[in-house]
Amino acid sequence: MLRVATKHLLWLTAVGVVLTHASEAPDPSTYQASQQQVHVELQSAFGQATDIKEKYQLEKARAWLSYADHAYSAKAKRQNIELIYQQVLDILYADPRANLSVETAILPFSQVMRHDLWTRAERIKVQTGFQCAYKELAQAEVNLVWAAAEYRQLGWRHSREIFASAERLMDQAIYLSENCGTL
């Protein structure tokens, strides 16, 4: 029950920050406090995580949080920031008894691009080497969503570097997956 209450409190704080942000008068101290609380919760969850899928999801939450920070600082649309931040909270406060999915959400303002990288990601998830590559894979998948959103909203020039980062992370994930246990 405490986790649910904390989730709602963080969500209300984040929405308040986003609403303030949307009115062009953000209160940096409130935003920083909300982000710091989420970072503390993430660190605590990482310390308690034992399952690879759980660690993978927490790594994705960290990547979503980075994306939310970027969207906030870039003065993105309020509803987009809310959707990104909701991904963090959904992962962070998921029911521990629930079967953790390895699917990555495609947000409504994004799309699936670079099918080749998504195919590689799906291959890694079913290999035993996933245990060595989950961190890079989680970051790459969120970067793919982020890059596609940038492409849809601002064009190729704004998304090029994020796609390149996703590809580098995917290459690292493949290497780590293929060489798991020998490194």
N, C-alpha and C. Protein backbone atom coordinates (compact mmCIF):
# COMPACT_ATOMS: atom_id res chain seq x y z
N MET A 1 0.82 -1.19 0.00
CA MET A 1 0.00 0.00 0.00
C MET A 1 0.86 1.25 0.00
N LEU A 2 1.99 1.18 0.72
CA LEU A 2 2.89 2.33 0.77
C LEU A 2 3.47 2.63 -0.61
N ARG A 3 3.79 1.58 -1.38
CA ARG A 3 4.33 1.78 -2.73
C ARG A 3 3.31 2.48 -3.61
N VAL A 4 2.05 2.10 -3.49
CA VAL A 4 1.00 2.72 -4.30
C VAL A 4 0.85 4.19 -3.92
N ALA A 5 0.86 4.47 -2.61
CA ALA A 5 0.74 5.86 -2.15
C ALA A 5 1.93 6.69 -2.64
N THR A 6 3.13 6.12 -2.58
CA THR A 6 4.32 6.82 -3.05
C THR A 6 4.22 7.09 -4.54
N LYS A 7 3.73 6.09 -5.29
CA LYS A 7 3.58 6.26 -6.74
C LYS A 7 2.65 7.42 -7.04
N HIS A 8 1.51 7.45 -6.34
CA HIS A 8 0.54 8.52 -6.59
C HIS A 8 1.11 9.88 -6.19
N LEU A 9 1.84 9.93 -5.10
CA LEU A 9 2.45 11.18 -4.67
C LEU A 9 3.47 11.67 -5.70
N LEU A 10 4.32 10.76 -6.19
CA LEU A 10 5.30 11.13 -7.21
C LEU A 10 4.60 11.55 -8.49
N TRP A 11 3.53 10.85 -8.85
CA TRP A 11 2.81 11.19 -10.07
C TRP A 11 2.20 12.57 -9.94
N LEU A 12 1.57 12.86 -8.80
CA LEU A 12 0.97 14.18 -8.60
C LEU A 12 2.03 15.27 -8.60
N THR A 13 3.17 14.98 -7.98
CA THR A 13 4.27 15.94 -7.98
C THR A 13 4.76 16.17 -9.41
N ALA A 14 4.92 15.08 -10.15
CA ALA A 14 5.40 15.20 -11.53
C ALA A 14 4.39 15.95 -12.39
N VAL A 15 3.11 15.65 -12.23
CA VAL A 15 2.09 16.34 -13.01
C VAL A 15 2.08 17.82 -12.64
N GLY A 16 2.22 18.11 -11.37
CA GLY A 16 2.29 19.50 -10.94
C GLY A 16 3.47 20.21 -11.57
N VAL A 17 4.60 19.53 -11.61
CA VAL A 17 5.79 20.10 -12.23
C VAL A 17 5.56 20.30 -13.72
N VAL A 18 4.96 19.31 -14.36
CA VAL A 18 4.70 19.40 -15.80
C VAL A 18 3.70 20.52 -16.08
N LEU A 19 2.66 20.63 -15.26
CA LEU A 19 1.68 21.70 -15.47
C LEU A 19 2.33 23.07 -15.27
N THR A 20 3.17 23.17 -14.26
CA THR A 20 3.90 24.42 -14.05
C THR A 20 4.79 24.68 -15.26
N HIS A 21 5.45 23.63 -15.73
CA HIS A 21 6.32 23.75 -16.89
C HIS A 21 5.53 24.23 -18.10
N ALA A 22 4.34 23.68 -18.26
CA ALA A 22 3.52 24.04 -19.42
C ALA A 22 3.10 25.50 -19.38
N SER A 23 3.00 26.07 -18.20
CA SER A 23 2.63 27.48 -18.11
C SER A 23 3.84 28.39 -18.22
N GLU A 24 4.99 27.81 -18.58
CA GLU A 24 6.23 28.55 -18.81
C GLU A 24 6.83 29.19 -17.57
N ALA A 25 6.46 28.69 -16.40
CA ALA A 25 7.06 29.19 -15.17
C ALA A 25 7.46 28.01 -14.29
N PRO A 26 8.38 27.16 -14.76
CA PRO A 26 8.72 25.96 -13.99
C PRO A 26 9.43 26.32 -12.70
N ASP A 27 9.15 25.53 -11.70
CA ASP A 27 9.83 25.68 -10.42
C ASP A 27 10.92 24.61 -10.38
N PRO A 28 12.15 24.97 -10.64
CA PRO A 28 13.23 23.99 -10.72
C PRO A 28 13.39 23.17 -9.44
N SER A 29 13.14 23.74 -8.30
CA SER A 29 13.32 23.00 -7.06
C SER A 29 12.31 21.87 -6.94
N THR A 30 11.06 22.08 -7.37
CA THR A 30 10.05 21.03 -7.33
C THR A 30 10.40 19.93 -8.32
N TYR A 31 10.80 20.31 -9.52
CA TYR A 31 11.17 19.34 -10.53
C TYR A 31 12.36 18.50 -10.04
N GLN A 32 13.36 19.17 -9.49
CA GLN A 32 14.54 18.46 -9.01
C GLN A 32 14.19 17.53 -7.85
N ALA A 33 13.31 17.96 -6.97
CA ALA A 33 12.91 17.12 -5.84
C ALA A 33 12.20 15.86 -6.32
N SER A 34 11.31 16.03 -7.30
CA SER A 34 10.60 14.88 -7.85
C SER A 34 11.58 13.91 -8.51
N GLN A 35 12.48 14.44 -9.31
CA GLN A 35 13.46 13.60 -9.99
C GLN A 35 14.40 12.92 -8.99
N GLN A 36 14.81 13.64 -7.99
CA GLN A 36 15.69 13.05 -6.98
C GLN A 36 15.00 11.90 -6.26
N GLN A 37 13.71 12.07 -5.94
CA GLN A 37 12.97 11.00 -5.28
C GLN A 37 12.90 9.76 -6.17
N VAL A 38 12.65 9.96 -7.45
CA VAL A 38 12.58 8.83 -8.37
C VAL A 38 13.96 8.16 -8.49
N HIS A 39 15.02 8.96 -8.54
CA HIS A 39 16.37 8.39 -8.59
C HIS A 39 16.67 7.56 -7.35
N VAL A 40 16.27 8.04 -6.19
CA VAL A 40 16.47 7.30 -4.94
C VAL A 40 15.69 5.98 -4.99
N GLU A 41 14.44 6.05 -5.44
CA GLU A 41 13.62 4.84 -5.56
C GLU A 41 14.24 3.85 -6.54
N LEU A 42 14.76 4.36 -7.66
CA LEU A 42 15.41 3.48 -8.64
C LEU A 42 16.63 2.80 -8.05
N GLN A 43 17.46 3.57 -7.36
CA GLN A 43 18.66 2.99 -6.74
C GLN A 43 18.29 1.91 -5.74
N SER A 44 17.27 2.17 -4.95
CA SER A 44 16.80 1.19 -3.98
C SER A 44 16.31 -0.08 -4.68
N ALA A 45 15.54 0.11 -5.75
CA ALA A 45 15.02 -1.03 -6.50
C ALA A 45 16.15 -1.82 -7.14
N PHE A 46 17.17 -1.15 -7.66
CA PHE A 46 18.33 -1.85 -8.24
C PHE A 46 19.02 -2.70 -7.18
N GLY A 47 19.12 -2.16 -5.98
CA GLY A 47 19.76 -2.90 -4.89
C GLY A 47 19.01 -4.15 -4.50
N GLN A 48 17.70 -4.16 -4.69
CA GLN A 48 16.87 -5.29 -4.32
C GLN A 48 16.62 -6.25 -5.48
N ALA A 49 16.91 -5.84 -6.69
CA ALA A 49 16.60 -6.65 -7.87
C ALA A 49 17.50 -7.87 -7.94
N THR A 50 16.89 -9.00 -8.20
CA THR A 50 17.66 -10.24 -8.34
C THR A 50 17.46 -10.89 -9.71
N ASP A 51 16.33 -10.64 -10.32
CA ASP A 51 15.98 -11.23 -11.60
C ASP A 51 16.50 -10.36 -12.75
N ILE A 52 17.00 -10.97 -13.80
CA ILE A 52 17.53 -10.23 -14.95
C ILE A 52 16.44 -9.40 -15.61
N LYS A 53 15.24 -9.95 -15.74
CA LYS A 53 14.14 -9.18 -16.34
C LYS A 53 13.82 -7.94 -15.50
N GLU A 54 13.90 -8.08 -14.19
CA GLU A 54 13.64 -6.95 -13.31
C GLU A 54 14.73 -5.89 -13.49
N LYS A 55 15.98 -6.32 -13.56
CA LYS A 55 17.08 -5.38 -13.78
C LYS A 55 16.95 -4.69 -15.15
N TYR A 56 16.54 -5.46 -16.13
CA TYR A 56 16.32 -4.91 -17.47
C TYR A 56 15.25 -3.83 -17.44
N GLN A 57 14.14 -4.11 -16.75
CA GLN A 57 13.07 -3.12 -16.65
C GLN A 57 13.52 -1.87 -15.90
N LEU A 58 14.29 -2.05 -14.83
CA LEU A 58 14.78 -0.91 -14.07
C LEU A 58 15.76 -0.07 -14.90
N GLU A 59 16.54 -0.74 -15.71
CA GLU A 59 17.45 -0.01 -16.61
C GLU A 59 16.64 0.78 -17.64
N LYS A 60 15.53 0.20 -18.10
CA LYS A 60 14.65 0.93 -19.01
C LYS A 60 14.04 2.13 -18.29
N ALA A 61 13.66 1.97 -17.04
CA ALA A 61 13.11 3.10 -16.27
C ALA A 61 14.13 4.22 -16.19
N ARG A 62 15.38 3.86 -15.97
CA ARG A 62 16.45 4.87 -15.92
C ARG A 62 16.57 5.60 -17.27
N ALA A 63 16.47 4.86 -18.36
CA ALA A 63 16.55 5.46 -19.69
C ALA A 63 15.32 6.34 -19.96
N TRP A 64 14.13 5.88 -19.56
CA TRP A 64 12.92 6.70 -19.71
C TRP A 64 13.06 7.99 -18.91
N LEU A 65 13.65 7.91 -17.73
CA LEU A 65 13.82 9.09 -16.89
C LEU A 65 14.76 10.09 -17.56
N SER A 66 15.80 9.59 -18.18
CA SER A 66 16.71 10.46 -18.93
C SER A 66 15.97 11.15 -20.07
N TYR A 67 15.13 10.39 -20.75
CA TYR A 67 14.32 10.94 -21.84
C TYR A 67 13.36 12.00 -21.29
N ALA A 68 12.73 11.73 -20.16
CA ALA A 68 11.81 12.70 -19.55
C ALA A 68 12.54 13.98 -19.18
N ASP A 69 13.75 13.85 -18.63
CA ASP A 69 14.56 15.03 -18.30
C ASP A 69 14.83 15.86 -19.54
N HIS A 70 15.19 15.19 -20.62
CA HIS A 70 15.45 15.89 -21.88
C HIS A 70 14.19 16.59 -22.38
N ALA A 71 13.07 15.88 -22.37
CA ALA A 71 11.82 16.45 -22.86
C ALA A 71 11.42 17.66 -22.02
N TYR A 72 11.62 17.58 -20.73
CA TYR A 72 11.29 18.70 -19.85
C TYR A 72 12.17 19.91 -20.15
N SER A 73 13.47 19.66 -20.28
CA SER A 73 14.38 20.78 -20.53
C SER A 73 14.20 21.37 -21.93
N ALA A 74 13.69 20.55 -22.86
CA ALA A 74 13.45 21.03 -24.22
C ALA A 74 12.05 21.65 -24.36
N LYS A 75 11.34 21.73 -23.23
CA LYS A 75 9.99 22.31 -23.22
C LYS A 75 9.04 21.58 -24.17
N ALA A 76 9.07 20.25 -24.09
CA ALA A 76 8.20 19.42 -24.92
C ALA A 76 6.74 19.58 -24.46
N LYS A 77 5.84 19.05 -25.25
CA LYS A 77 4.43 19.11 -24.90
C LYS A 77 4.19 18.42 -23.56
N ARG A 78 3.31 19.01 -22.76
CA ARG A 78 3.02 18.50 -21.42
C ARG A 78 2.58 17.03 -21.48
N GLN A 79 1.68 16.69 -22.39
CA GLN A 79 1.17 15.32 -22.43
C GLN A 79 2.27 14.33 -22.83
N ASN A 80 3.23 14.77 -23.63
CA ASN A 80 4.34 13.89 -23.98
C ASN A 80 5.22 13.61 -22.77
N ILE A 81 5.51 14.66 -22.00
CA ILE A 81 6.32 14.49 -20.80
C ILE A 81 5.60 13.56 -19.83
N GLU A 82 4.29 13.72 -19.69
CA GLU A 82 3.51 12.87 -18.79
C GLU A 82 3.60 11.41 -19.21
N LEU A 83 3.47 11.15 -20.51
CA LEU A 83 3.53 9.77 -21.01
C LEU A 83 4.90 9.15 -20.78
N ILE A 84 5.93 9.93 -20.99
CA ILE A 84 7.30 9.43 -20.77
C ILE A 84 7.50 9.13 -19.29
N TYR A 85 7.13 10.07 -18.45
CA TYR A 85 7.30 9.92 -17.00
C TYR A 85 6.46 8.76 -16.47
N GLN A 86 5.29 8.55 -17.08
CA GLN A 86 4.44 7.43 -16.66
C GLN A 86 5.13 6.09 -16.91
N GLN A 87 5.94 6.00 -17.96
CA GLN A 87 6.69 4.77 -18.21
C GLN A 87 7.62 4.46 -17.04
N VAL A 88 8.27 5.50 -16.52
CA VAL A 88 9.17 5.33 -15.37
C VAL A 88 8.39 4.80 -14.18
N LEU A 89 7.28 5.45 -13.87
CA LEU A 89 6.50 5.07 -12.69
C LEU A 89 5.88 3.69 -12.85
N ASP A 90 5.43 3.35 -14.05
CA ASP A 90 4.85 2.03 -14.29
C ASP A 90 5.86 0.92 -14.03
N ILE A 91 7.08 1.15 -14.41
CA ILE A 91 8.13 0.15 -14.18
C ILE A 91 8.54 0.14 -12.71
N LEU A 92 8.76 1.30 -12.16
CA LEU A 92 9.25 1.41 -10.79
C LEU A 92 8.27 0.85 -9.78
N TYR A 93 6.98 1.04 -10.02
CA TYR A 93 5.97 0.61 -9.05
C TYR A 93 5.13 -0.56 -9.55
N ALA A 94 5.69 -1.36 -10.44
CA ALA A 94 4.99 -2.55 -10.91
C ALA A 94 4.83 -3.54 -9.77
N ASP A 95 3.76 -4.28 -9.82
CA ASP A 95 3.53 -5.31 -8.80
C ASP A 95 4.65 -6.35 -8.90
N PRO A 96 5.38 -6.56 -7.80
CA PRO A 96 6.51 -7.50 -7.86
C PRO A 96 6.10 -8.93 -8.18
N ARG A 97 4.83 -9.26 -7.97
CA ARG A 97 4.36 -10.62 -8.27
C ARG A 97 3.97 -10.77 -9.73
N ALA A 98 3.87 -9.66 -10.44
CA ALA A 98 3.46 -9.70 -11.84
C ALA A 98 4.59 -10.25 -12.71
N ASN A 99 4.20 -10.90 -13.78
CA ASN A 99 5.17 -11.41 -14.74
C ASN A 99 5.71 -10.22 -15.53
N LEU A 100 7.00 -9.97 -15.40
CA LEU A 100 7.60 -8.81 -16.07
C LEU A 100 7.72 -9.05 -17.57
N SER A 101 7.23 -8.11 -18.33
CA SER A 101 7.30 -8.17 -19.78
C SER A 101 8.63 -7.60 -20.24
N VAL A 102 9.10 -8.07 -21.36
CA VAL A 102 10.31 -7.51 -21.94
C VAL A 102 9.98 -6.64 -23.16
N GLU A 103 8.71 -6.29 -23.29
CA GLU A 103 8.27 -5.41 -24.38
C GLU A 103 8.54 -3.96 -24.00
N THR A 104 8.87 -3.17 -25.00
CA THR A 104 9.07 -1.73 -24.81
C THR A 104 7.90 -0.99 -25.43
N ALA A 105 7.33 -0.09 -24.66
CA ALA A 105 6.17 0.67 -25.13
C ALA A 105 6.57 1.63 -26.25
N ILE A 106 5.73 1.71 -27.25
CA ILE A 106 5.89 2.71 -28.31
C ILE A 106 4.86 3.79 -27.99
N LEU A 107 5.33 4.95 -27.65
CA LEU A 107 4.45 6.03 -27.24
C LEU A 107 3.65 6.59 -28.43
N PRO A 108 2.47 7.15 -28.17
CA PRO A 108 1.61 7.62 -29.27
C PRO A 108 2.26 8.68 -30.18
N PHE A 109 3.19 9.43 -29.67
CA PHE A 109 3.83 10.46 -30.49
C PHE A 109 5.12 9.96 -31.12
N SER A 110 5.36 8.65 -31.02
CA SER A 110 6.53 8.03 -31.64
C SER A 110 6.03 7.03 -32.68
N GLN A 111 6.91 6.18 -33.15
CA GLN A 111 6.54 5.13 -34.08
C GLN A 111 7.68 4.12 -34.12
N VAL A 112 7.44 3.00 -34.77
CA VAL A 112 8.50 2.00 -34.92
C VAL A 112 9.30 2.36 -36.16
N MET A 113 10.57 2.65 -35.95
CA MET A 113 11.50 2.91 -37.05
C MET A 113 12.71 2.03 -36.80
N ARG A 114 13.53 1.86 -37.79
CA ARG A 114 14.72 1.01 -37.70
C ARG A 114 14.33 -0.42 -37.28
N HIS A 115 13.52 -1.03 -38.11
CA HIS A 115 13.06 -2.40 -37.86
C HIS A 115 14.24 -3.36 -37.67
N ASP A 116 15.36 -3.08 -38.33
CA ASP A 116 16.53 -3.94 -38.19
C ASP A 116 17.01 -3.97 -36.74
N LEU A 117 17.01 -2.82 -36.07
CA LEU A 117 17.45 -2.78 -34.68
C LEU A 117 16.43 -3.43 -33.74
N TRP A 118 15.14 -3.24 -34.01
CA TRP A 118 14.12 -3.89 -33.19
C TRP A 118 14.21 -5.41 -33.32
N THR A 119 14.50 -5.89 -34.54
CA THR A 119 14.65 -7.33 -34.76
C THR A 119 15.83 -7.88 -33.97
N ARG A 120 16.94 -7.15 -33.98
CA ARG A 120 18.11 -7.57 -33.19
C ARG A 120 17.77 -7.61 -31.71
N ALA A 121 17.02 -6.63 -31.24
CA ALA A 121 16.65 -6.58 -29.83
C ALA A 121 15.83 -7.81 -29.44
N GLU A 122 14.89 -8.16 -30.28
CA GLU A 122 14.05 -9.33 -29.99
C GLU A 122 14.89 -10.61 -29.96
N ARG A 123 15.88 -10.71 -30.84
CA ARG A 123 16.76 -11.89 -30.85
C ARG A 123 17.57 -11.99 -29.56
N ILE A 124 18.08 -10.87 -29.09
CA ILE A 124 18.90 -10.87 -27.87
C ILE A 124 18.06 -11.31 -26.67
N LYS A 125 16.82 -10.88 -26.62
CA LYS A 125 15.96 -11.17 -25.47
C LYS A 125 15.72 -12.65 -25.25
N VAL A 126 15.83 -13.47 -26.30
CA VAL A 126 15.58 -14.90 -26.15
C VAL A 126 16.87 -15.71 -26.03
N GLN A 127 18.00 -15.06 -26.08
CA GLN A 127 19.27 -15.75 -25.94
C GLN A 127 19.72 -15.75 -24.48
N THR A 128 20.56 -16.72 -24.14
CA THR A 128 21.08 -16.76 -22.77
C THR A 128 21.99 -15.56 -22.50
N GLY A 129 22.55 -14.97 -23.53
CA GLY A 129 23.42 -13.81 -23.36
C GLY A 129 22.68 -12.55 -22.95
N PHE A 130 21.35 -12.62 -22.90
CA PHE A 130 20.55 -11.48 -22.46
C PHE A 130 21.00 -11.01 -21.08
N GLN A 131 21.42 -11.95 -20.24
CA GLN A 131 21.85 -11.60 -18.88
C GLN A 131 23.08 -10.69 -18.86
N CYS A 132 23.85 -10.70 -19.92
CA CYS A 132 25.03 -9.83 -20.00
C CYS A 132 24.76 -8.53 -20.77
N ALA A 133 23.66 -8.49 -21.51
CA ALA A 133 23.42 -7.37 -22.42
C ALA A 133 22.18 -6.55 -22.07
N TYR A 134 21.53 -6.87 -20.96
CA TYR A 134 20.24 -6.22 -20.66
C TYR A 134 20.35 -4.70 -20.51
N LYS A 135 21.45 -4.21 -19.96
CA LYS A 135 21.59 -2.77 -19.72
C LYS A 135 21.64 -2.01 -21.04
N GLU A 136 22.52 -2.41 -21.93
CA GLU A 136 22.67 -1.74 -23.22
C GLU A 136 21.40 -1.90 -24.06
N LEU A 137 20.79 -3.08 -23.97
CA LEU A 137 19.57 -3.34 -24.73
C LEU A 137 18.44 -2.43 -24.28
N ALA A 138 18.25 -2.28 -22.99
CA ALA A 138 17.19 -1.41 -22.45
C ALA A 138 17.40 0.03 -22.90
N GLN A 139 18.63 0.49 -22.81
CA GLN A 139 18.93 1.87 -23.23
C GLN A 139 18.70 2.04 -24.73
N ALA A 140 19.10 1.05 -25.51
CA ALA A 140 18.93 1.13 -26.97
C ALA A 140 17.46 1.19 -27.35
N GLU A 141 16.64 0.39 -26.70
CA GLU A 141 15.21 0.37 -27.05
C GLU A 141 14.54 1.72 -26.73
N VAL A 142 14.83 2.28 -25.58
CA VAL A 142 14.25 3.58 -25.24
C VAL A 142 14.78 4.65 -26.21
N ASN A 143 16.05 4.56 -26.57
CA ASN A 143 16.60 5.51 -27.55
C ASN A 143 15.91 5.39 -28.90
N LEU A 144 15.51 4.18 -29.28
CA LEU A 144 14.80 4.00 -30.54
C LEU A 144 13.43 4.69 -30.50
N VAL A 145 12.75 4.57 -29.37
CA VAL A 145 11.45 5.25 -29.22
C VAL A 145 11.67 6.76 -29.26
N TRP A 146 12.67 7.22 -28.52
CA TRP A 146 13.00 8.64 -28.44
C TRP A 146 13.36 9.20 -29.82
N ALA A 147 14.23 8.49 -30.54
CA ALA A 147 14.67 8.94 -31.86
C ALA A 147 13.50 9.02 -32.84
N ALA A 148 12.62 8.03 -32.80
CA ALA A 148 11.47 8.04 -33.70
C ALA A 148 10.53 9.21 -33.37
N ALA A 149 10.39 9.51 -32.09
CA ALA A 149 9.57 10.66 -31.70
C ALA A 149 10.20 11.96 -32.20
N GLU A 150 11.50 12.08 -32.06
CA GLU A 150 12.20 13.27 -32.57
C GLU A 150 12.04 13.38 -34.08
N TYR A 151 12.13 12.25 -34.76
CA TYR A 151 11.97 12.24 -36.21
C TYR A 151 10.58 12.73 -36.61
N ARG A 152 9.55 12.20 -35.94
CA ARG A 152 8.18 12.60 -36.27
C ARG A 152 7.93 14.07 -36.00
N GLN A 153 8.52 14.58 -34.93
CA GLN A 153 8.23 15.95 -34.54
C GLN A 153 9.15 16.97 -35.19
N LEU A 154 10.43 16.63 -35.38
CA LEU A 154 11.40 17.63 -35.80
C LEU A 154 12.22 17.25 -37.03
N GLY A 155 12.11 16.01 -37.48
CA GLY A 155 12.83 15.61 -38.69
C GLY A 155 14.13 14.86 -38.41
N TRP A 156 14.75 14.46 -39.50
CA TRP A 156 15.93 13.61 -39.44
C TRP A 156 17.10 14.27 -38.72
N ARG A 157 17.33 15.54 -38.93
CA ARG A 157 18.49 16.20 -38.31
C ARG A 157 18.45 16.13 -36.80
N HIS A 158 17.26 16.17 -36.22
CA HIS A 158 17.14 16.12 -34.75
C HIS A 158 17.21 14.69 -34.22
N SER A 159 16.92 13.73 -35.05
CA SER A 159 16.87 12.34 -34.59
C SER A 159 18.13 11.54 -34.92
N ARG A 160 18.94 12.06 -35.83
CA ARG A 160 20.10 11.31 -36.33
C ARG A 160 21.02 10.83 -35.22
N GLU A 161 21.38 11.70 -34.29
CA GLU A 161 22.33 11.33 -33.23
C GLU A 161 21.73 10.32 -32.26
N ILE A 162 20.43 10.43 -32.01
CA ILE A 162 19.79 9.48 -31.09
C ILE A 162 19.71 8.10 -31.74
N PHE A 163 19.41 8.06 -33.04
CA PHE A 163 19.42 6.78 -33.76
C PHE A 163 20.83 6.18 -33.75
N ALA A 164 21.83 7.02 -33.95
CA ALA A 164 23.22 6.53 -33.94
C ALA A 164 23.57 5.97 -32.57
N SER A 165 23.14 6.63 -31.52
CA SER A 165 23.38 6.14 -30.16
C SER A 165 22.69 4.79 -29.94
N ALA A 166 21.45 4.68 -30.41
CA ALA A 166 20.71 3.41 -30.29
C ALA A 166 21.43 2.29 -31.02
N GLU A 167 21.96 2.61 -32.20
CA GLU A 167 22.67 1.59 -32.97
C GLU A 167 23.97 1.17 -32.27
N ARG A 168 24.71 2.13 -31.72
CA ARG A 168 25.93 1.79 -30.98
C ARG A 168 25.61 0.92 -29.76
N LEU A 169 24.56 1.28 -29.04
CA LEU A 169 24.16 0.49 -27.88
C LEU A 169 23.73 -0.91 -28.29
N MET A 170 23.03 -1.02 -29.41
CA MET A 170 22.60 -2.34 -29.88
C MET A 170 23.81 -3.17 -30.30
N ASP A 171 24.79 -2.55 -30.94
CA ASP A 171 26.01 -3.27 -31.30
C ASP A 171 26.73 -3.78 -30.05
N GLN A 172 26.78 -2.95 -29.01
CA GLN A 172 27.39 -3.37 -27.74
C GLN A 172 26.60 -4.52 -27.12
N ALA A 173 25.27 -4.43 -27.18
CA ALA A 173 24.43 -5.49 -26.61
C ALA A 173 24.65 -6.81 -27.35
N ILE A 174 24.77 -6.75 -28.65
CA ILE A 174 25.02 -7.97 -29.43
C ILE A 174 26.37 -8.57 -29.05
N TYR A 175 27.38 -7.72 -28.97
CA TYR A 175 28.70 -8.20 -28.60
C TYR A 175 28.67 -8.85 -27.21
N LEU A 176 28.07 -8.18 -26.26
CA LEU A 176 28.01 -8.71 -24.91
C LEU A 176 27.20 -10.00 -24.85
N SER A 177 26.12 -10.06 -25.61
CA SER A 177 25.29 -11.26 -25.64
C SER A 177 26.04 -12.45 -26.23
N GLU A 178 26.74 -12.20 -27.32
CA GLU A 178 27.47 -13.29 -27.99
C GLU A 178 28.68 -13.76 -27.19
N ASN A 179 29.24 -12.87 -26.39
CA ASN A 179 30.44 -13.22 -25.63
C ASN A 179 30.17 -13.37 -24.14
N CYS A 180 28.94 -13.57 -23.77
CA CYS A 180 28.56 -13.70 -22.36
C CYS A 180 29.24 -14.92 -21.75
N GLY A 181 29.87 -14.71 -20.65
CA GLY A 181 30.57 -15.80 -19.97
C GLY A 181 32.03 -15.91 -20.34
N THR A 182 32.44 -15.24 -21.42
CA THR A 182 33.84 -15.29 -21.83
C THR A 182 34.56 -13.98 -21.56
N LEU A 183 33.83 -12.96 -21.16
CA LEU A 183 34.45 -11.65 -20.92
C LEU A 183 34.96 -11.55 -19.51
